[in-house]
């Protein structure tokens, strides 16, 4: 996999959508990040975010958080986690421009829970600079890739490529750091 597999010119007019658990932080198997003490950054994710912040005009997190609907943590708990996440990203020289989350359970029938594209569509509505024709979503689940496809956005899958992935998936990579390294030579230096 190399950079030529991506659209020709990715620059500040592009948006990078990022899933959270399994992409930015280590996924807790069969549980949730309920408080900041549960958070463990994925290896080199902060460095990757700093690189990607120089390439993409917008970085937007889109994350399913069904633990809220299940009563395992609150909106306030999630807000505190995201506040610390954003502070770490900023301290490392990166940025995240917006965070969208779906608090609903699987059977709620909402439009925001991935695999539906609601969070991506809402971000594009809220931020006029976001053009979904100039966007990529990085995620670690099939539902992430399905949400991207529903929004007509190409996906980059974190994990091994397999036949159940939709046809909008550009590639599969081991982690966000590997994705960021594809752009390192393109980032301007001060």
C-alpha atoms as a PDB file:
ATOM      1  CA  UNK A   1       0.000   0.000   0.000  1.00  0.00           C
ATOM      2  CA  UNK A   2       1.323   3.382  -0.847  1.00  0.00           C
ATOM      3  CA  UNK A   3       0.145   6.934  -1.296  1.00  0.00           C
ATOM      4  CA  UNK A   4      -0.665   6.478  -5.003  1.00  0.00           C
ATOM      5  CA  UNK A   5      -3.705   4.364  -4.031  1.00  0.00           C
ATOM      6  CA  UNK A   6      -5.403   7.506  -2.677  1.00  0.00           C
ATOM      7  CA  UNK A   7      -7.072  10.338  -4.566  1.00  0.00           C
ATOM      8  CA  UNK A   8      -4.576  12.529  -6.442  1.00  0.00           C
ATOM      9  CA  UNK A   9      -4.460  15.654  -4.325  1.00  0.00           C
ATOM     10  CA  UNK A  10      -5.260  15.465  -0.635  1.00  0.00           C
ATOM     11  CA  UNK A  11      -4.752  18.869   0.918  1.00  0.00           C
ATOM     12  CA  UNK A  12      -6.339  21.331   3.340  1.00  0.00           C
ATOM     13  CA  UNK A  13      -9.619  21.168   1.399  1.00  0.00           C
ATOM     14  CA  UNK A  14     -10.046  17.552   2.569  1.00  0.00           C
ATOM     15  CA  UNK A  15     -11.680  16.214   5.735  1.00  0.00           C
ATOM     16  CA  UNK A  16     -10.502  13.191   7.687  1.00  0.00           C
ATOM     17  CA  UNK A  17     -13.208  11.421   9.686  1.00  0.00           C
ATOM     18  CA  UNK A  18     -11.845   9.217  12.455  1.00  0.00           C
ATOM     19  CA  UNK A  19     -13.507   6.514  14.488  1.00  0.00           C
ATOM     20  CA  UNK A  20     -12.356   6.655  18.109  1.00  0.00           C
ATOM     21  CA  UNK A  21     -12.091   3.284  19.887  1.00  0.00           C
ATOM     22  CA  UNK A  22      -9.636   1.057  18.039  1.00  0.00           C
ATOM     23  CA  UNK A  23      -8.229   3.939  15.981  1.00  0.00           C
ATOM     24  CA  UNK A  24      -7.264   6.739  18.387  1.00  0.00           C
ATOM     25  CA  UNK A  25      -7.252   4.683  21.570  1.00  0.00           C
ATOM     26  CA  UNK A  26      -6.979   1.018  22.432  1.00  0.00           C
ATOM     27  CA  UNK A  27     -10.345  -0.722  22.253  1.00  0.00           C
ATOM     28  CA  UNK A  28     -11.403  -2.380  25.507  1.00  0.00           C
ATOM     29  CA  UNK A  29     -12.748  -5.794  24.516  1.00  0.00           C
ATOM     30  CA  UNK A  30     -16.328  -6.323  25.754  1.00  0.00           C
ATOM     31  CA  UNK A  31     -16.287  -3.045  27.703  1.00  0.00           C
ATOM     32  CA  UNK A  32     -16.104   0.723  27.253  1.00  0.00           C
ATOM     33  CA  UNK A  33     -13.846   3.640  28.043  1.00  0.00           C
ATOM     34  CA  UNK A  34     -15.986   4.923  30.925  1.00  0.00           C
ATOM     35  CA  UNK A  35     -13.539   7.453  32.382  1.00  0.00           C
ATOM     36  CA  UNK A  36     -10.218   8.983  31.399  1.00  0.00           C
ATOM     37  CA  UNK A  37      -8.297   6.460  33.498  1.00  0.00           C
ATOM     38  CA  UNK A  38      -9.564   3.750  31.099  1.00  0.00           C
ATOM     39  CA  UNK A  39      -8.109   5.587  28.068  1.00  0.00           C
ATOM     40  CA  UNK A  40      -4.929   4.247  26.473  1.00  0.00           C
ATOM     41  CA  UNK A  41      -3.724   6.015  23.319  1.00  0.00           C
ATOM     42  CA  UNK A  42      -3.103   3.719  20.356  1.00  0.00           C
ATOM     43  CA  UNK A  43       0.613   3.457  19.621  1.00  0.00           C
ATOM     44  CA  UNK A  44       1.917   6.631  17.931  1.00  0.00           C
ATOM     45  CA  UNK A  45      -1.628   7.981  17.481  1.00  0.00           C
ATOM     46  CA  UNK A  46      -0.719  11.411  18.856  1.00  0.00           C
ATOM     47  CA  UNK A  47       2.206  11.766  16.454  1.00  0.00           C
ATOM     48  CA  UNK A  48      -0.057  10.573  13.631  1.00  0.00           C
ATOM     49  CA  UNK A  49      -2.681  13.182  14.504  1.00  0.00           C
ATOM     50  CA  UNK A  50      -0.035  15.922  14.419  1.00  0.00           C
ATOM     51  CA  UNK A  51       1.005  14.824  10.920  1.00  0.00           C
ATOM     52  CA  UNK A  52      -2.584  14.457   9.681  1.00  0.00           C
ATOM     53  CA  UNK A  53      -3.481  17.895  11.082  1.00  0.00           C
ATOM     54  CA  UNK A  54      -0.985  19.421   8.670  1.00  0.00           C
ATOM     55  CA  UNK A  55      -2.405  17.505   5.691  1.00  0.00           C
ATOM     56  CA  UNK A  56      -6.193  17.606   6.160  1.00  0.00           C
ATOM     57  CA  UNK A  57      -8.184  20.810   6.618  1.00  0.00           C
ATOM     58  CA  UNK A  58     -10.607  19.207   9.080  1.00  0.00           C
ATOM     59  CA  UNK A  59     -10.271  16.253  11.434  1.00  0.00           C
ATOM     60  CA  UNK A  60     -13.577  15.015  12.841  1.00  0.00           C
ATOM     61  CA  UNK A  61     -14.143  12.149  15.281  1.00  0.00           C
ATOM     62  CA  UNK A  62     -17.325  10.100  14.745  1.00  0.00           C
ATOM     63  CA  UNK A  63     -17.908   7.523  17.472  1.00  0.00           C
ATOM     64  CA  UNK A  64     -20.693   5.184  18.582  1.00  0.00           C
ATOM     65  CA  UNK A  65     -21.049   5.376  22.365  1.00  0.00           C
ATOM     66  CA  UNK A  66     -23.815   2.952  23.248  1.00  0.00           C
ATOM     67  CA  UNK A  67     -22.489   2.674  26.799  1.00  0.00           C
ATOM     68  CA  UNK A  68     -24.446   5.877  27.479  1.00  0.00           C
ATOM     69  CA  UNK A  69     -27.737   4.216  26.503  1.00  0.00           C
ATOM     70  CA  UNK A  70     -26.798   1.220  28.627  1.00  0.00           C
ATOM     71  CA  UNK A  71     -26.255   3.491  31.659  1.00  0.00           C
ATOM     72  CA  UNK A  72     -22.561   2.613  32.015  1.00  0.00           C
ATOM     73  CA  UNK A  73     -21.408   6.234  31.794  1.00  0.00           C
ATOM     74  CA  UNK A  74     -23.047   9.580  31.204  1.00  0.00           C
ATOM     75  CA  UNK A  75     -22.867  12.309  28.582  1.00  0.00           C
ATOM     76  CA  UNK A  76     -20.925  14.313  31.177  1.00  0.00           C
ATOM     77  CA  UNK A  77     -18.424  11.449  31.594  1.00  0.00           C
ATOM     78  CA  UNK A  78     -17.959  11.285  27.823  1.00  0.00           C
ATOM     79  CA  UNK A  79     -17.499  15.049  27.619  1.00  0.00           C
ATOM     80  CA  UNK A  80     -14.746  14.850  30.272  1.00  0.00           C
ATOM     81  CA  UNK A  81     -12.978  12.072  28.332  1.00  0.00           C
ATOM     82  CA  UNK A  82     -13.131  14.053  25.101  1.00  0.00           C
ATOM     83  CA  UNK A  83     -11.906  17.226  26.803  1.00  0.00           C
ATOM     84  CA  UNK A  84      -8.757  15.403  27.968  1.00  0.00           C
ATOM     85  CA  UNK A  85      -8.384  13.691  24.578  1.00  0.00           C
ATOM     86  CA  UNK A  86      -8.466  17.072  22.804  1.00  0.00           C
ATOM     87  CA  UNK A  87      -5.965  18.552  25.265  1.00  0.00           C
ATOM     88  CA  UNK A  88      -3.522  15.680  24.632  1.00  0.00           C
ATOM     89  CA  UNK A  89      -3.885  16.085  20.873  1.00  0.00           C
ATOM     90  CA  UNK A  90      -3.243  19.842  21.079  1.00  0.00           C
ATOM     91  CA  UNK A  91      -0.228  19.343  23.367  1.00  0.00           C
ATOM     92  CA  UNK A  92       1.230  16.912  20.804  1.00  0.00           C
ATOM     93  CA  UNK A  93       0.905  19.474  17.999  1.00  0.00           C
ATOM     94  CA  UNK A  94      -2.262  18.139  16.406  1.00  0.00           C
ATOM     95  CA  UNK A  95      -5.906  19.069  16.379  1.00  0.00           C
ATOM     96  CA  UNK A  96      -9.373  17.602  16.226  1.00  0.00           C
ATOM     97  CA  UNK A  97     -11.895  20.097  14.910  1.00  0.00           C
ATOM     98  CA  UNK A  98     -15.087  18.382  16.064  1.00  0.00           C
ATOM     99  CA  UNK A  99     -16.306  15.294  17.885  1.00  0.00           C
ATOM    100  CA  UNK A 100     -19.659  13.658  17.125  1.00  0.00           C
ATOM    101  CA  UNK A 101     -21.022  10.735  19.073  1.00  0.00           C
ATOM    102  CA  UNK A 102     -24.075   8.528  18.955  1.00  0.00           C
ATOM    103  CA  UNK A 103     -25.351   7.746  22.479  1.00  0.00           C
ATOM    104  CA  UNK A 104     -28.038   5.315  21.291  1.00  0.00           C
ATOM    105  CA  UNK A 105     -28.249   1.553  21.614  1.00  0.00           C
ATOM    106  CA  UNK A 106     -28.231  -0.755  18.597  1.00  0.00           C
ATOM    107  CA  UNK A 107     -32.013  -1.085  18.400  1.00  0.00           C
ATOM    108  CA  UNK A 108     -32.859   2.609  18.881  1.00  0.00           C
ATOM    109  CA  UNK A 109     -33.469   3.177  15.169  1.00  0.00           C
ATOM    110  CA  UNK A 110     -31.556   6.472  15.144  1.00  0.00           C
ATOM    111  CA  UNK A 111     -29.885   7.929  12.077  1.00  0.00           C
ATOM    112  CA  UNK A 112     -26.590   8.699  13.825  1.00  0.00           C
ATOM    113  CA  UNK A 113     -25.393   5.245  14.862  1.00  0.00           C
ATOM    114  CA  UNK A 114     -22.889   3.773  12.435  1.00  0.00           C
ATOM    115  CA  UNK A 115     -23.413   1.968  10.032  1.00  0.00           C
ATOM    116  CA  UNK A 116     -25.799   4.822   9.221  1.00  0.00           C
ATOM    117  CA  UNK A 117     -24.084   7.982   7.960  1.00  0.00           C
ATOM    118  CA  UNK A 118     -25.829  10.471  10.268  1.00  0.00           C
ATOM    119  CA  UNK A 119     -22.735  11.740  12.094  1.00  0.00           C
ATOM    120  CA  UNK A 120     -20.856  12.373   8.848  1.00  0.00           C
ATOM    121  CA  UNK A 121     -23.860  14.104   7.297  1.00  0.00           C
ATOM    122  CA  UNK A 122     -24.376  16.230  10.413  1.00  0.00           C
ATOM    123  CA  UNK A 123     -20.720  17.259  10.432  1.00  0.00           C
ATOM    124  CA  UNK A 124     -21.002  18.347   6.788  1.00  0.00           C
ATOM    125  CA  UNK A 125     -24.149  20.315   7.641  1.00  0.00           C
ATOM    126  CA  UNK A 126     -22.542  21.966  10.692  1.00  0.00           C
ATOM    127  CA  UNK A 127     -19.255  22.807   8.955  1.00  0.00           C
ATOM    128  CA  UNK A 128     -19.709  24.291   5.459  1.00  0.00           C
ATOM    129  CA  UNK A 129     -16.010  23.701   4.691  1.00  0.00           C
ATOM    130  CA  UNK A 130     -16.628  19.929   4.776  1.00  0.00           C
ATOM    131  CA  UNK A 131     -17.196  18.523   1.301  1.00  0.00           C
ATOM    132  CA  UNK A 132     -17.982  14.802   1.507  1.00  0.00           C
ATOM    133  CA  UNK A 133     -16.513  14.409  -1.986  1.00  0.00           C
ATOM    134  CA  UNK A 134     -13.197  15.397  -0.377  1.00  0.00           C
ATOM    135  CA  UNK A 135     -13.267  13.164   2.688  1.00  0.00           C
ATOM    136  CA  UNK A 136     -11.925   9.862   3.978  1.00  0.00           C
ATOM    137  CA  UNK A 137     -13.036   7.879   7.014  1.00  0.00           C
ATOM    138  CA  UNK A 138     -10.555   5.795   9.017  1.00  0.00           C
ATOM    139  CA  UNK A 139     -12.192   3.126  11.163  1.00  0.00           C
ATOM    140  CA  UNK A 140     -11.696  -0.344  12.569  1.00  0.00           C
ATOM    141  CA  UNK A 141     -15.123  -1.899  12.076  1.00  0.00           C
ATOM    142  CA  UNK A 142     -17.297  -2.908   9.172  1.00  0.00           C
ATOM    143  CA  UNK A 143     -19.966  -0.512  10.465  1.00  0.00           C
ATOM    144  CA  UNK A 144     -17.467   2.361  10.091  1.00  0.00           C
ATOM    145  CA  UNK A 145     -16.852   1.396   6.473  1.00  0.00           C
ATOM    146  CA  UNK A 146     -20.591   0.994   5.838  1.00  0.00           C
ATOM    147  CA  UNK A 147     -21.276   4.471   7.256  1.00  0.00           C
ATOM    148  CA  UNK A 148     -18.580   5.876   4.993  1.00  0.00           C
ATOM    149  CA  UNK A 149     -20.084   4.104   1.987  1.00  0.00           C
ATOM    150  CA  UNK A 150     -23.572   5.399   2.834  1.00  0.00           C
ATOM    151  CA  UNK A 151     -22.126   8.937   2.893  1.00  0.00           C
ATOM    152  CA  UNK A 152     -20.243   8.219  -0.381  1.00  0.00           C
ATOM    153  CA  UNK A 153     -16.888   8.591   1.388  1.00  0.00           C
ATOM    154  CA  UNK A 154     -13.944   6.223   0.846  1.00  0.00           C
ATOM    155  CA  UNK A 155     -12.754   4.256   3.854  1.00  0.00           C
ATOM    156  CA  UNK A 156      -9.439   3.142   5.260  1.00  0.00           C
ATOM    157  CA  UNK A 157      -9.819   0.056   7.425  1.00  0.00           C
ATOM    158  CA  UNK A 158      -7.655  -0.430  10.498  1.00  0.00           C
ATOM    159  CA  UNK A 159      -7.147  -4.175  10.576  1.00  0.00           C
ATOM    160  CA  UNK A 160      -6.736  -6.922   8.007  1.00  0.00           C
ATOM    161  CA  UNK A 161      -8.537  -6.625   4.680  1.00  0.00           C
ATOM    162  CA  UNK A 162     -11.267  -9.235   4.347  1.00  0.00           C
ATOM    163  CA  UNK A 163     -14.108 -10.015   1.983  1.00  0.00           C
ATOM    164  CA  UNK A 164     -16.888  -8.550   4.153  1.00  0.00           C
ATOM    165  CA  UNK A 165     -15.598  -4.998   3.697  1.00  0.00           C
ATOM    166  CA  UNK A 166     -17.616  -2.810   1.327  1.00  0.00           C
ATOM    167  CA  UNK A 167     -16.186  -1.722  -2.019  1.00  0.00           C
ATOM    168  CA  UNK A 168     -15.497   1.853  -0.843  1.00  0.00           C
ATOM    169  CA  UNK A 169     -12.523   0.663   1.249  1.00  0.00           C
ATOM    170  CA  UNK A 170      -9.272   1.949  -0.251  1.00  0.00           C
ATOM    171  CA  UNK A 171      -6.981  -0.230   1.847  1.00  0.00           C
ATOM    172  CA  UNK A 172      -6.457  -1.948   5.193  1.00  0.00           C
ATOM    173  CA  UNK A 173      -3.618  -0.790   7.430  1.00  0.00           C
ATOM    174  CA  UNK A 174      -2.439  -1.914  10.868  1.00  0.00           C
ATOM    175  CA  UNK A 175      -2.955   1.446  12.609  1.00  0.00           C
ATOM    176  CA  UNK A 176      -3.411   5.198  12.303  1.00  0.00           C
ATOM    177  CA  UNK A 177       0.348   5.769  12.483  1.00  0.00           C
ATOM    178  CA  UNK A 178       0.858   3.728   9.309  1.00  0.00           C
ATOM    179  CA  UNK A 179      -1.809   5.809   7.562  1.00  0.00           C
ATOM    180  CA  UNK A 180      -0.129   9.058   8.675  1.00  0.00           C
ATOM    181  CA  UNK A 181       3.275   7.900   7.423  1.00  0.00           C
ATOM    182  CA  UNK A 182       1.837   7.855   3.891  1.00  0.00           C
ATOM    183  CA  UNK A 183       1.642  11.659   4.121  1.00  0.00           C
ATOM    184  CA  UNK A 184       4.837  12.534   6.020  1.00  0.00           C
ATOM    185  CA  UNK A 185       6.785  13.651   2.958  1.00  0.00           C
ATOM    186  CA  UNK A 186       3.939  15.957   1.945  1.00  0.00           C
ATOM    187  CA  UNK A 187       3.635  17.893   5.179  1.00  0.00           C
ATOM    188  CA  UNK A 188       5.157  21.347   5.204  1.00  0.00           C
ATOM    189  CA  UNK A 189       7.802  22.080   7.810  1.00  0.00           C
ATOM    190  CA  UNK A 190       8.211  25.388   9.611  1.00  0.00           C
END
